[in-house]
Amino acid sequence: EDAIALQFGLPGAFGFLHEGGGFVIARVVADDAEVLTIAVHPEVQRTGIGRELLRRAMAEAANRGGSAIFLEVSAHNLHARQMYAAAGFSAVGKRVRYYGDGSDAIILRALVNNIEPR
């Protein structure tokens, strides 16, 4: 709860809850956006909820004046990396041993105006 509250307390923060079992928290500062957290319940992963949440966050970032959106993903999370690649994200950097399990974080970036409206 505390971590979620802290994220929503950041300047420019917003989020969406998916009734199917997921949520996203992002923010826009100046013309850059960042996905702070995206989570989908394990029982409904790979059903499109993550894609929908990401699409909504990207659209809202564009509505708030963002032009590019960034996020970090574990180098080991191949399913998430595939989803992000399909949404137009590409690698722009790496944070070595960023996660508690020692895995690296891949920093990804996409242009928010590349999303398809739904």
PDB file of N, CA and C in Angstrom:
ATOM      1  N   GLU A   1       0.813  -1.199   0.000  1.00  0.00           N
ATOM      2  CA  GLU A   1       0.000   0.000   0.000  1.00  0.00           C
ATOM      3  C   GLU A   1       0.856   1.262   0.000  1.00  0.00           C
ATOM      4  N   ASP A   2       1.904   1.233   0.823  1.00  0.00           N
ATOM      5  CA  ASP A   2       2.761   2.415   0.934  1.00  0.00           C
ATOM      6  C   ASP A   2       3.440   2.736  -0.394  1.00  0.00           C
ATOM      7  N   ALA A   3       3.938   1.717  -1.088  1.00  0.00           N
ATOM      8  CA  ALA A   3       4.613   1.940  -2.366  1.00  0.00           C
ATOM      9  C   ALA A   3       3.660   2.507  -3.402  1.00  0.00           C
ATOM     10  N   ILE A   4       2.431   1.997  -3.430  1.00  0.00           N
ATOM     11  CA  ILE A   4       1.426   2.500  -4.381  1.00  0.00           C
ATOM     12  C   ILE A   4       1.094   3.950  -4.045  1.00  0.00           C
ATOM     13  N   ALA A   5       0.902   4.242  -2.778  1.00  0.00           N
ATOM     14  CA  ALA A   5       0.589   5.618  -2.366  1.00  0.00           C
ATOM     15  C   ALA A   5       1.718   6.565  -2.731  1.00  0.00           C
ATOM     16  N   LEU A   6       2.952   6.132  -2.549  1.00  0.00           N
ATOM     17  CA  LEU A   6       4.100   6.966  -2.914  1.00  0.00           C
ATOM     18  C   LEU A   6       4.126   7.241  -4.414  1.00  0.00           C
ATOM     19  N   GLN A   7       3.830   6.223  -5.219  1.00  0.00           N
ATOM     20  CA  GLN A   7       3.830   6.415  -6.667  1.00  0.00           C
ATOM     21  C   GLN A   7       2.745   7.398  -7.086  1.00  0.00           C
ATOM     22  N   PHE A   8       1.554   7.270  -6.507  1.00  0.00           N
ATOM     23  CA  PHE A   8       0.482   8.205  -6.850  1.00  0.00           C
ATOM     24  C   PHE A   8       0.763   9.614  -6.327  1.00  0.00           C
ATOM     25  N   GLY A   9       1.663   9.739  -5.358  1.00  0.00           N
ATOM     26  CA  GLY A   9       2.035  11.051  -4.843  1.00  0.00           C
ATOM     27  C   GLY A   9       3.056  11.781  -5.697  1.00  0.00           C
ATOM     28  N   LEU A  10       3.626  11.099  -6.682  1.00  0.00           N
ATOM     29  CA  LEU A  10       4.610  11.743  -7.552  1.00  0.00           C
ATOM     30  C   LEU A  10       3.919  12.737  -8.487  1.00  0.00           C
ATOM     31  N   PRO A  11       4.601  13.810  -8.852  1.00  0.00           N
ATOM     32  CA  PRO A  11       4.007  14.771  -9.792  1.00  0.00           C
ATOM     33  C   PRO A  11       3.621  14.097 -11.103  1.00  0.00           C
ATOM     34  N   GLY A  12       2.443  14.407 -11.597  1.00  0.00           N
ATOM     35  CA  GLY A  12       1.990  13.920 -12.890  1.00  0.00           C
ATOM     36  C   GLY A  12       1.517  12.480 -12.908  1.00  0.00           C
ATOM     37  N   ALA A  13       1.355  11.842 -11.733  1.00  0.00           N
ATOM     38  CA  ALA A  13       0.990  10.428 -11.675  1.00  0.00           C
ATOM     39  C   ALA A  13      -0.484  10.204 -12.008  1.00  0.00           C
ATOM     40  N   PHE A  14      -0.748   9.063 -12.631  1.00  0.00           N
ATOM     41  CA  PHE A  14      -2.108   8.617 -12.928  1.00  0.00           C
ATOM     42  C   PHE A  14      -2.105   7.106 -13.032  1.00  0.00           C
ATOM     43  N   GLY A  15      -3.262   6.505 -13.022  1.00  0.00           N
ATOM     44  CA  GLY A  15      -3.305   5.057 -13.127  1.00  0.00           C
ATOM     45  C   GLY A  15      -4.641   4.544 -13.608  1.00  0.00           C
ATOM     46  N   PHE A  16      -4.637   3.281 -13.966  1.00  0.00           N
ATOM     47  CA  PHE A  16      -5.852   2.601 -14.411  1.00  0.00           C
ATOM     48  C   PHE A  16      -5.907   1.229 -13.764  1.00  0.00           C
ATOM     49  N   LEU A  17      -7.115   0.832 -13.395  1.00  0.00           N
ATOM     50  CA  LEU A  17      -7.380  -0.482 -12.848  1.00  0.00           C
ATOM     51  C   LEU A  17      -8.195  -1.253 -13.866  1.00  0.00           C
ATOM     52  N   HIS A  18      -7.804  -2.486 -14.143  1.00  0.00           N
ATOM     53  CA  HIS A  18      -8.558  -3.337 -15.062  1.00  0.00           C
ATOM     54  C   HIS A  18      -9.339  -4.331 -14.219  1.00  0.00           C
ATOM     55  N   GLU A  19     -10.639  -4.362 -14.403  1.00  0.00           N
ATOM     56  CA  GLU A  19     -11.468  -5.224 -13.556  1.00  0.00           C
ATOM     57  C   GLU A  19     -11.166  -6.705 -13.760  1.00  0.00           C
ATOM     58  N   GLY A  20     -10.477  -7.053 -14.834  1.00  0.00           N
ATOM     59  CA  GLY A  20     -10.097  -8.438 -15.072  1.00  0.00           C
ATOM     60  C   GLY A  20      -8.925  -8.907 -14.228  1.00  0.00           C
ATOM     61  N   GLY A  21      -8.224  -7.957 -13.566  1.00  0.00           N
ATOM     62  CA  GLY A  21      -7.136  -8.363 -12.688  1.00  0.00           C
ATOM     63  C   GLY A  21      -5.797  -7.715 -12.951  1.00  0.00           C
ATOM     64  N   GLY A  22      -5.746  -6.416 -13.104  1.00  0.00           N
ATOM     65  CA  GLY A  22      -4.466  -5.754 -13.297  1.00  0.00           C
ATOM     66  C   GLY A  22      -4.558  -4.264 -13.079  1.00  0.00           C
ATOM     67  N   PHE A  23      -3.407  -3.605 -13.038  1.00  0.00           N
ATOM     68  CA  PHE A  23      -3.365  -2.152 -12.908  1.00  0.00           C
ATOM     69  C   PHE A  23      -2.070  -1.620 -13.489  1.00  0.00           C
ATOM     70  N   VAL A  24      -2.095  -0.330 -13.789  1.00  0.00           N
ATOM     71  CA  VAL A  24      -0.898   0.370 -14.244  1.00  0.00           C
ATOM     72  C   VAL A  24      -0.856   1.721 -13.549  1.00  0.00           C
ATOM     73  N   ILE A  25       0.346   2.137 -13.172  1.00  0.00           N
ATOM     74  CA  ILE A  25       0.590   3.481 -12.647  1.00  0.00           C
ATOM     75  C   ILE A  25       1.690   4.081 -13.510  1.00  0.00           C
ATOM     76  N   ALA A  26       1.457   5.293 -13.979  1.00  0.00           N
ATOM     77  CA  ALA A  26       2.425   5.981 -14.827  1.00  0.00           C
ATOM     78  C   ALA A  26       2.434   7.453 -14.445  1.00  0.00           C
ATOM     79  N   ARG A  27       3.291   8.191 -15.078  1.00  0.00           N
ATOM     80  CA  ARG A  27       3.316   9.642 -14.857  1.00  0.00           C
ATOM     81  C   ARG A  27       3.894  10.342 -16.061  1.00  0.00           C
ATOM     82  N   VAL A  28       3.557  11.617 -16.171  1.00  0.00           N
ATOM     83  CA  VAL A  28       4.100  12.483 -17.212  1.00  0.00           C
ATOM     84  C   VAL A  28       4.726  13.684 -16.522  1.00  0.00           C
ATOM     85  N   VAL A  29       5.968  13.951 -16.882  1.00  0.00           N
ATOM     86  CA  VAL A  29       6.676  15.131 -16.400  1.00  0.00           C
ATOM     87  C   VAL A  29       7.292  15.779 -17.625  1.00  0.00           C
ATOM     88  N   ALA A  30       6.929  17.038 -17.852  1.00  0.00           N
ATOM     89  CA  ALA A  30       7.317  17.753 -19.080  1.00  0.00           C
ATOM     90  C   ALA A  30       6.772  16.958 -20.259  1.00  0.00           C
ATOM     91  N   ASP A  31       7.614  16.529 -21.193  1.00  0.00           N
ATOM     92  CA  ASP A  31       7.079  15.755 -22.320  1.00  0.00           C
ATOM     93  C   ASP A  31       7.520  14.288 -22.271  1.00  0.00           C
ATOM     94  N   ASP A  32       8.053  13.851 -21.125  1.00  0.00           N
ATOM     95  CA  ASP A  32       8.413  12.452 -20.943  1.00  0.00           C
ATOM     96  C   ASP A  32       7.420  11.763 -20.027  1.00  0.00           C
ATOM     97  N   ALA A  33       7.122  10.528 -20.344  1.00  0.00           N
ATOM     98  CA  ALA A  33       6.240   9.712 -19.513  1.00  0.00           C
ATOM     99  C   ALA A  33       7.015   8.496 -19.044  1.00  0.00           C
ATOM    100  N   GLU A  34       6.528   7.892 -17.974  1.00  0.00           N
ATOM    101  CA  GLU A  34       7.192   6.731 -17.404  1.00  0.00           C
ATOM    102  C   GLU A  34       6.138   5.788 -16.838  1.00  0.00           C
ATOM    103  N   VAL A  35       6.242   4.518 -17.169  1.00  0.00           N
ATOM    104  CA  VAL A  35       5.413   3.506 -16.518  1.00  0.00           C
ATOM    105  C   VAL A  35       6.130   3.150 -15.220  1.00  0.00           C
ATOM    106  N   LEU A  36       5.490   3.448 -14.104  1.00  0.00           N
ATOM    107  CA  LEU A  36       6.083   3.160 -12.802  1.00  0.00           C
ATOM    108  C   LEU A  36       5.848   1.712 -12.395  1.00  0.00           C
ATOM    109  N   THR A  37       4.632   1.241 -12.616  1.00  0.00           N
ATOM    110  CA  THR A  37       4.257  -0.133 -12.256  1.00  0.00           C
ATOM    111  C   THR A  37       3.172  -0.612 -13.197  1.00  0.00           C
ATOM    112  N   ILE A  38       3.316  -1.821 -13.663  1.00  0.00           N
ATOM    113  CA  ILE A  38       2.243  -2.490 -14.394  1.00  0.00           C
ATOM    114  C   ILE A  38       2.219  -3.924 -13.867  1.00  0.00           C
ATOM    115  N   ALA A  39       1.038  -4.363 -13.478  1.00  0.00           N
ATOM    116  CA  ALA A  39       0.917  -5.693 -12.889  1.00  0.00           C
ATOM    117  C   ALA A  39      -0.375  -6.347 -13.345  1.00  0.00           C
ATOM    118  N   VAL A  40      -0.284  -7.647 -13.616  1.00  0.00           N
ATOM    119  CA  VAL A  40      -1.443  -8.445 -13.989  1.00  0.00           C
ATOM    120  C   VAL A  40      -1.431  -9.688 -13.115  1.00  0.00           C
ATOM    121  N   HIS A  41      -2.588 -10.027 -12.565  1.00  0.00           N
ATOM    122  CA  HIS A  41      -2.691 -11.209 -11.710  1.00  0.00           C
ATOM    123  C   HIS A  41      -2.190 -12.429 -12.484  1.00  0.00           C
ATOM    124  N   PRO A  42      -1.388 -13.288 -11.835  1.00  0.00           N
ATOM    125  CA  PRO A  42      -0.818 -14.447 -12.541  1.00  0.00           C
ATOM    126  C   PRO A  42      -1.848 -15.329 -13.247  1.00  0.00           C
ATOM    127  N   GLU A  43      -3.041 -15.460 -12.697  1.00  0.00           N
ATOM    128  CA  GLU A  43      -4.050 -16.331 -13.312  1.00  0.00           C
ATOM    129  C   GLU A  43      -4.583 -15.806 -14.637  1.00  0.00           C
ATOM    130  N   VAL A  44      -4.388 -14.494 -14.906  1.00  0.00           N
ATOM    131  CA  VAL A  44      -4.909 -13.925 -16.152  1.00  0.00           C
ATOM    132  C   VAL A  44      -3.813 -13.292 -17.005  1.00  0.00           C
ATOM    133  N   GLN A  45      -2.562 -13.615 -16.706  1.00  0.00           N
ATOM    134  CA  GLN A  45      -1.474 -13.111 -17.547  1.00  0.00           C
ATOM    135  C   GLN A  45      -1.572 -13.721 -18.941  1.00  0.00           C
ATOM    136  N   ARG A  46      -1.107 -12.971 -19.916  1.00  0.00           N
ATOM    137  CA  ARG A  46      -1.103 -13.360 -21.330  1.00  0.00           C
ATOM    138  C   ARG A  46      -2.518 -13.506 -21.901  1.00  0.00           C
ATOM    139  N   THR A  47      -3.451 -12.699 -21.351  1.00  0.00           N
ATOM    140  CA  THR A  47      -4.823 -12.679 -21.882  1.00  0.00           C
ATOM    141  C   THR A  47      -5.152 -11.338 -22.525  1.00  0.00           C
ATOM    142  N   GLY A  48      -4.192 -10.414 -22.585  1.00  0.00           N
ATOM    143  CA  GLY A  48      -4.416  -9.113 -23.196  1.00  0.00           C
ATOM    144  C   GLY A  48      -4.610  -7.991 -22.201  1.00  0.00           C
ATOM    145  N   ILE A  49      -4.722  -8.307 -20.924  1.00  0.00           N
ATOM    146  CA  ILE A  49      -4.928  -7.255 -19.917  1.00  0.00           C
ATOM    147  C   ILE A  49      -3.724  -6.322 -19.864  1.00  0.00           C
ATOM    148  N   GLY A  50      -2.525  -6.863 -19.854  1.00  0.00           N
ATOM    149  CA  GLY A  50      -1.324  -6.029 -19.829  1.00  0.00           C
ATOM    150  C   GLY A  50      -1.237  -5.126 -21.044  1.00  0.00           C
ATOM    151  N   ARG A  51      -1.540  -5.670 -22.222  1.00  0.00           N
ATOM    152  CA  ARG A  51      -1.530  -4.854 -23.451  1.00  0.00           C
ATOM    153  C   ARG A  51      -2.531  -3.713 -23.353  1.00  0.00           C
ATOM    154  N   GLU A  52      -3.727  -4.001 -22.846  1.00  0.00           N
ATOM    155  CA  GLU A  52      -4.761  -2.974 -22.719  1.00  0.00           C
ATOM    156  C   GLU A  52      -4.337  -1.892 -21.724  1.00  0.00           C
ATOM    157  N   LEU A  53      -3.799  -2.298 -20.601  1.00  0.00           N
ATOM    158  CA  LEU A  53      -3.339  -1.319 -19.614  1.00  0.00           C
ATOM    159  C   LEU A  53      -2.215  -0.458 -20.175  1.00  0.00           C
ATOM    160  N   LEU A  54      -1.289  -1.076 -20.885  1.00  0.00           N
ATOM    161  CA  LEU A  54      -0.188  -0.328 -21.485  1.00  0.00           C
ATOM    162  C   LEU A  54      -0.712   0.653 -22.523  1.00  0.00           C
ATOM    163  N   ARG A  55      -1.641   0.208 -23.362  1.00  0.00           N
ATOM    164  CA  ARG A  55      -2.229   1.080 -24.376  1.00  0.00           C
ATOM    165  C   ARG A  55      -2.925   2.272 -23.725  1.00  0.00           C
ATOM    166  N   ARG A  56      -3.679   2.023 -22.650  1.00  0.00           N
ATOM    167  CA  ARG A  56      -4.365   3.116 -21.957  1.00  0.00           C
ATOM    168  C   ARG A  56      -3.383   4.099 -21.339  1.00  0.00           C
ATOM    169  N   ALA A  57      -2.304   3.580 -20.747  1.00  0.00           N
ATOM    170  CA  ALA A  57      -1.296   4.464 -20.153  1.00  0.00           C
ATOM    171  C   ALA A  57      -0.612   5.305 -21.224  1.00  0.00           C
ATOM    172  N   MET A  58      -0.317   4.701 -22.365  1.00  0.00           N
ATOM    173  CA  MET A  58       0.322   5.447 -23.451  1.00  0.00           C
ATOM    174  C   MET A  58      -0.613   6.513 -24.006  1.00  0.00           C
ATOM    175  N   ALA A  59      -1.888   6.187 -24.150  1.00  0.00           N
ATOM    176  CA  ALA A  59      -2.860   7.165 -24.653  1.00  0.00           C
ATOM    177  C   ALA A  59      -3.014   8.325 -23.668  1.00  0.00           C
ATOM    178  N   GLU A  60      -3.078   8.009 -22.383  1.00  0.00           N
ATOM    179  CA  GLU A  60      -3.210   9.070 -21.377  1.00  0.00           C
ATOM    180  C   GLU A  60      -1.948   9.929 -21.329  1.00  0.00           C
ATOM    181  N   ALA A  61      -0.789   9.303 -21.490  1.00  0.00           N
ATOM    182  CA  ALA A  61       0.453  10.069 -21.526  1.00  0.00           C
ATOM    183  C   ALA A  61       0.430  11.057 -22.690  1.00  0.00           C
ATOM    184  N   ALA A  62      -0.057  10.608 -23.841  1.00  0.00           N
ATOM    185  CA  ALA A  62      -0.172  11.510 -24.994  1.00  0.00           C
ATOM    186  C   ALA A  62      -1.160  12.630 -24.694  1.00  0.00           C
ATOM    187  N   ASN A  63      -2.288  12.298 -24.059  1.00  0.00           N
ATOM    188  CA  ASN A  63      -3.280  13.320 -23.699  1.00  0.00           C
ATOM    189  C   ASN A  63      -2.712  14.361 -22.754  1.00  0.00           C
ATOM    190  N   ARG A  64      -1.757  13.955 -21.931  1.00  0.00           N
ATOM    191  CA  ARG A  64      -1.159  14.871 -20.952  1.00  0.00           C
ATOM    192  C   ARG A  64       0.084  15.560 -21.496  1.00  0.00           C
ATOM    193  N   GLY A  65       0.360  15.410 -22.780  1.00  0.00           N
ATOM    194  CA  GLY A  65       1.466  16.120 -23.396  1.00  0.00           C
ATOM    195  C   GLY A  65       2.756  15.346 -23.512  1.00  0.00           C
ATOM    196  N   GLY A  66       2.738  14.072 -23.178  1.00  0.00           N
ATOM    197  CA  GLY A  66       3.943  13.262 -23.306  1.00  0.00           C
ATOM    198  C   GLY A  66       4.214  12.921 -24.765  1.00  0.00           C
ATOM    199  N   SER A  67       5.470  12.817 -25.109  1.00  0.00           N
ATOM    200  CA  SER A  67       5.820  12.409 -26.469  1.00  0.00           C
ATOM    201  C   SER A  67       6.510  11.052 -26.485  1.00  0.00           C
ATOM    202  N   ALA A  68       7.222  10.733 -25.416  1.00  0.00           N
ATOM    203  CA  ALA A  68       7.897   9.440 -25.295  1.00  0.00           C
ATOM    204  C   ALA A  68       7.594   8.867 -23.919  1.00  0.00           C
ATOM    205  N   ILE A  69       7.588   7.539 -23.849  1.00  0.00           N
ATOM    206  CA  ILE A  69       7.329   6.864 -22.583  1.00  0.00           C
ATOM    207  C   ILE A  69       8.431   5.844 -22.331  1.00  0.00           C
ATOM    208  N   PHE A  70       8.858   5.754 -21.095  1.00  0.00           N
ATOM    209  CA  PHE A  70       9.952   4.883 -20.686  1.00  0.00           C
ATOM    210  C   PHE A  70       9.456   3.879 -19.650  1.00  0.00           C
ATOM    211  N   LEU A  71      10.161   2.778 -19.540  1.00  0.00           N
ATOM    212  CA  LEU A  71       9.911   1.808 -18.475  1.00  0.00           C
ATOM    213  C   LEU A  71      11.124   0.915 -18.332  1.00  0.00           C
ATOM    214  N   GLU A  72      11.186   0.190 -17.216  1.00  0.00           N
ATOM    215  CA  GLU A  72      12.222  -0.799 -17.003  1.00  0.00           C
ATOM    216  C   GLU A  72      11.568  -2.165 -16.907  1.00  0.00           C
ATOM    217  N   VAL A  73      12.222  -3.172 -17.461  1.00  0.00           N
ATOM    218  CA  VAL A  73      11.737  -4.550 -17.407  1.00  0.00           C
ATOM    219  C   VAL A  73      12.929  -5.461 -17.161  1.00  0.00           C
ATOM    220  N   SER A  74      12.702  -6.500 -16.395  1.00  0.00           N
ATOM    221  CA  SER A  74      13.768  -7.464 -16.135  1.00  0.00           C
ATOM    222  C   SER A  74      14.222  -8.117 -17.435  1.00  0.00           C
ATOM    223  N   ALA A  75      15.514  -8.260 -17.572  1.00  0.00           N
ATOM    224  CA  ALA A  75      16.063  -8.937 -18.750  1.00  0.00           C
ATOM    225  C   ALA A  75      15.547 -10.369 -18.839  1.00  0.00           C
ATOM    226  N   HIS A  76      15.140 -10.939 -17.715  1.00  0.00           N
ATOM    227  CA  HIS A  76      14.633 -12.315 -17.681  1.00  0.00           C
ATOM    228  C   HIS A  76      13.153 -12.434 -18.013  1.00  0.00           C
ATOM    229  N   ASN A  77      12.423 -11.316 -18.071  1.00  0.00           N
ATOM    230  CA  ASN A  77      10.969 -11.359 -18.286  1.00  0.00           C
ATOM    231  C   ASN A  77      10.667 -11.314 -19.790  1.00  0.00           C
ATOM    232  N   LEU A  78      10.820 -12.447 -20.440  1.00  0.00           N
ATOM    233  CA  LEU A  78      10.689 -12.508 -21.896  1.00  0.00           C
ATOM    234  C   LEU A  78       9.278 -12.206 -22.381  1.00  0.00           C
ATOM    235  N   HIS A  79       8.253 -12.660 -21.665  1.00  0.00           N
ATOM    236  CA  HIS A  79       6.876 -12.399 -22.089  1.00  0.00           C
ATOM    237  C   HIS A  79       6.579 -10.894 -22.072  1.00  0.00           C
ATOM    238  N   ALA A  80       6.988 -10.224 -21.003  1.00  0.00           N
ATOM    239  CA  ALA A  80       6.769  -8.775 -20.927  1.00  0.00           C
ATOM    240  C   ALA A  80       7.575  -8.055 -22.008  1.00  0.00           C
ATOM    241  N   ARG A  81       8.797  -8.481 -22.234  1.00  0.00           N
ATOM    242  CA  ARG A  81       9.613  -7.835 -23.258  1.00  0.00           C
ATOM    243  C   ARG A  81       8.988  -7.982 -24.640  1.00  0.00           C
ATOM    244  N   GLN A  82       8.382  -9.129 -24.916  1.00  0.00           N
ATOM    245  CA  GLN A  82       7.686  -9.319 -26.192  1.00  0.00           C
ATOM    246  C   GLN A  82       6.485  -8.383 -26.298  1.00  0.00           C
ATOM    247  N   MET A  83       5.723  -8.237 -25.207  1.00  0.00           N
ATOM    248  CA  MET A  83       4.572  -7.344 -25.212  1.00  0.00           C
ATOM    249  C   MET A  83       5.020  -5.902 -25.480  1.00  0.00           C
ATOM    250  N   TYR A  84       6.085  -5.479 -24.812  1.00  0.00           N
ATOM    251  CA  TYR A  84       6.574  -4.114 -24.998  1.00  0.00           C
ATOM    252  C   TYR A  84       7.094  -3.900 -26.417  1.00  0.00           C
ATOM    253  N   ALA A  85       7.785  -4.865 -26.960  1.00  0.00           N
ATOM    254  CA  ALA A  85       8.279  -4.751 -28.335  1.00  0.00           C
ATOM    255  C   ALA A  85       7.111  -4.614 -29.307  1.00  0.00           C
ATOM    256  N   ALA A  86       6.050  -5.380 -29.093  1.00  0.00           N
ATOM    257  CA  ALA A  86       4.875  -5.298 -29.961  1.00  0.00           C
ATOM    258  C   ALA A  86       4.191  -3.940 -29.846  1.00  0.00           C
ATOM    259  N   ALA A  87       4.371  -3.255 -28.720  1.00  0.00           N
ATOM    260  CA  ALA A  87       3.782  -1.929 -28.512  1.00  0.00           C
ATOM    261  C   ALA A  87       4.696  -0.814 -29.006  1.00  0.00           C
ATOM    262  N   GLY A  88       5.843  -1.173 -29.602  1.00  0.00           N
ATOM    263  CA  GLY A  88       6.725  -0.168 -30.179  1.00  0.00           C
ATOM    264  C   GLY A  88       7.891   0.239 -29.305  1.00  0.00           C
ATOM    265  N   PHE A  89       8.119  -0.453 -28.206  1.00  0.00           N
ATOM    266  CA  PHE A  89       9.239  -0.114 -27.326  1.00  0.00           C
ATOM    267  C   PHE A  89      10.530  -0.700 -27.865  1.00  0.00           C
ATOM    268  N   SER A  90      11.616   0.013 -27.661  1.00  0.00           N
ATOM    269  CA  SER A  90      12.936  -0.503 -27.998  1.00  0.00           C
ATOM    270  C   SER A  90      13.897  -0.158 -26.861  1.00  0.00           C
ATOM    271  N   ALA A  91      14.943  -0.962 -26.733  1.00  0.00           N
ATOM    272  CA  ALA A  91      15.913  -0.794 -25.658  1.00  0.00           C
ATOM    273  C   ALA A  91      16.753   0.457 -25.870  1.00  0.00           C
ATOM    274  N   VAL A  92      16.923   1.222 -24.786  1.00  0.00           N
ATOM    275  CA  VAL A  92      17.765   2.413 -24.844  1.00  0.00           C
ATOM    276  C   VAL A  92      18.829   2.416 -23.745  1.00  0.00           C
ATOM    277  N   GLY A  93      18.805   1.395 -22.896  1.00  0.00           N
ATOM    278  CA  GLY A  93      19.795   1.342 -21.822  1.00  0.00           C
ATOM    279  C   GLY A  93      19.609   0.124 -20.951  1.00  0.00           C
ATOM    280  N   LYS A  94      20.479   0.021 -19.947  1.00  0.00           N
ATOM    281  CA  LYS A  94      20.432  -1.121 -19.033  1.00  0.00           C
ATOM    282  C   LYS A  94      20.873  -0.663 -17.651  1.00  0.00           C
ATOM    283  N   ARG A  95      20.229  -1.211 -16.625  1.00  0.00           N
ATOM    284  CA  ARG A  95      20.651  -1.003 -15.240  1.00  0.00           C
ATOM    285  C   ARG A  95      21.136  -2.370 -14.728  1.00  0.00           C
ATOM    286  N   VAL A  96      22.407  -2.478 -14.474  1.00  0.00           N
ATOM    287  CA  VAL A  96      23.014  -3.742 -14.080  1.00  0.00           C
ATOM    288  C   VAL A  96      22.586  -4.109 -12.658  1.00  0.00           C
ATOM    289  N   ARG A  97      22.168  -5.373 -12.490  1.00  0.00           N
ATOM    290  CA  ARG A  97      21.740  -5.918 -11.195  1.00  0.00           C
ATOM    291  C   ARG A  97      20.737  -5.001 -10.497  1.00  0.00           C
ATOM    292  N   TYR A  98      19.767  -4.521 -11.223  1.00  0.00           N
ATOM    293  CA  TYR A  98      18.786  -3.553 -10.733  1.00  0.00           C
ATOM    294  C   TYR A  98      17.762  -4.188  -9.792  1.00  0.00           C
ATOM    295  N   TYR A  99      17.356  -5.416 -10.080  1.00  0.00           N
ATOM    296  CA  TYR A  99      16.303  -6.079  -9.304  1.00  0.00           C
ATOM    297  C   TYR A  99      16.877  -6.891  -8.159  1.00  0.00           C
ATOM    298  N   GLY A 100      16.049  -7.157  -7.159  1.00  0.00           N
ATOM    299  CA  GLY A 100      16.461  -7.878  -5.966  1.00  0.00           C
ATOM    300  C   GLY A 100      17.050  -9.245  -6.231  1.00  0.00           C
ATOM    301  N   ASP A 101      16.642  -9.881  -7.331  1.00  0.00           N
ATOM    302  CA  ASP A 101      17.188 -11.201  -7.671  1.00  0.00           C
ATOM    303  C   ASP A 101      18.513 -11.103  -8.426  1.00  0.00           C
ATOM    304  N   GLY A 102      19.016  -9.887  -8.593  1.00  0.00           N
ATOM    305  CA  GLY A 102      20.291  -9.684  -9.279  1.00  0.00           C
ATOM    306  C   GLY A 102      20.184  -9.513 -10.775  1.00  0.00           C
ATOM    307  N   SER A 103      18.963  -9.587 -11.324  1.00  0.00           N
ATOM    308  CA  SER A 103      18.822  -9.456 -12.772  1.00  0.00           C
ATOM    309  C   SER A 103      18.936  -7.995 -13.199  1.00  0.00           C
ATOM    310  N   ASP A 104      19.362  -7.828 -14.443  1.00  0.00           N
ATOM    311  CA  ASP A 104      19.480  -6.493 -15.023  1.00  0.00           C
ATOM    312  C   ASP A 104      18.108  -5.978 -15.437  1.00  0.00           C
ATOM    313  N   ALA A 105      17.964  -4.668 -15.438  1.00  0.00           N
ATOM    314  CA  ALA A 105      16.773  -4.026 -15.983  1.00  0.00           C
ATOM    315  C   ALA A 105      17.121  -3.475 -17.358  1.00  0.00           C
ATOM    316  N   ILE A 106      16.264  -3.753 -18.319  1.00  0.00           N
ATOM    317  CA  ILE A 106      16.398  -3.163 -19.646  1.00  0.00           C
ATOM    318  C   ILE A 106      15.515  -1.928 -19.659  1.00  0.00           C
ATOM    319  N   ILE A 107      16.084  -0.787 -20.024  1.00  0.00           N
ATOM    320  CA  ILE A 107      15.317   0.453 -20.122  1.00  0.00           C
ATOM    321  C   ILE A 107      14.755   0.536 -21.535  1.00  0.00           C
ATOM    322  N   LEU A 108      13.441   0.673 -21.621  1.00  0.00           N
ATOM    323  CA  LEU A 108      12.760   0.723 -22.910  1.00  0.00           C
ATOM    324  C   LEU A 108      12.114   2.079 -23.128  1.00  0.00           C
ATOM    325  N   ARG A 109      11.962   2.448 -24.402  1.00  0.00           N
ATOM    326  CA  ARG A 109      11.352   3.726 -24.781  1.00  0.00           C
ATOM    327  C   ARG A 109      10.469   3.512 -25.992  1.00  0.00           C
ATOM    328  N   ALA A 110       9.342   4.223 -26.003  1.00  0.00           N
ATOM    329  CA  ALA A 110       8.451   4.232 -27.167  1.00  0.00           C
ATOM    330  C   ALA A 110       7.872   5.624 -27.335  1.00  0.00           C
ATOM    331  N   LEU A 111       7.499   5.950 -28.545  1.00  0.00           N
ATOM    332  CA  LEU A 111       6.779   7.188 -28.804  1.00  0.00           C
ATOM    333  C   LEU A 111       5.307   6.933 -28.532  1.00  0.00           C
ATOM    334  N   VAL A 112       4.668   7.816 -27.781  1.00  0.00           N
ATOM    335  CA  VAL A 112       3.269   7.573 -27.413  1.00  0.00           C
ATOM    336  C   VAL A 112       2.320   7.799 -28.570  1.00  0.00           C
ATOM    337  N   ASN A 113       2.708   8.552 -29.585  1.00  0.00           N
ATOM    338  CA  ASN A 113       1.815   8.784 -30.712  1.00  0.00           C
ATOM    339  C   ASN A 113       1.813   7.626 -31.701  1.00  0.00           C
ATOM    340  N   ASN A 114       2.575   6.560 -31.392  1.00  0.00           N
ATOM    341  CA  ASN A 114       2.609   5.383 -32.273  1.00  0.00           C
ATOM    342  C   ASN A 114       1.513   4.379 -31.931  1.00  0.00           C
ATOM    343  N   ILE A 115       0.715   4.648 -30.896  1.00  0.00           N
ATOM    344  CA  ILE A 115      -0.307   3.682 -30.517  1.00  0.00           C
ATOM    345  C   ILE A 115      -1.512   3.781 -31.426  1.00  0.00           C
ATOM    346  N   GLU A 116      -2.188   2.666 -31.569  1.00  0.00           N
ATOM    347  CA  GLU A 116      -3.427   2.654 -32.357  1.00  0.00           C
ATOM    348  C   GLU A 116      -4.589   2.993 -31.442  1.00  0.00           C
ATOM    349  N   PRO A 117      -5.434   3.942 -31.810  1.00  0.00           N
ATOM    350  CA  PRO A 117      -6.607   4.229 -30.984  1.00  0.00           C
ATOM    351  C   PRO A 117      -7.569   3.046 -31.012  1.00  0.00           C
ATOM    352  N   ARG A 118      -8.304   2.871 -29.896  1.00  0.00           N
ATOM    353  CA  ARG A 118      -9.293   1.803 -29.837  1.00  0.00           C
ATOM    354  C   ARG A 118     -10.627   2.339 -29.444  1.00  0.00           C
TER     355      ARG A 118
END
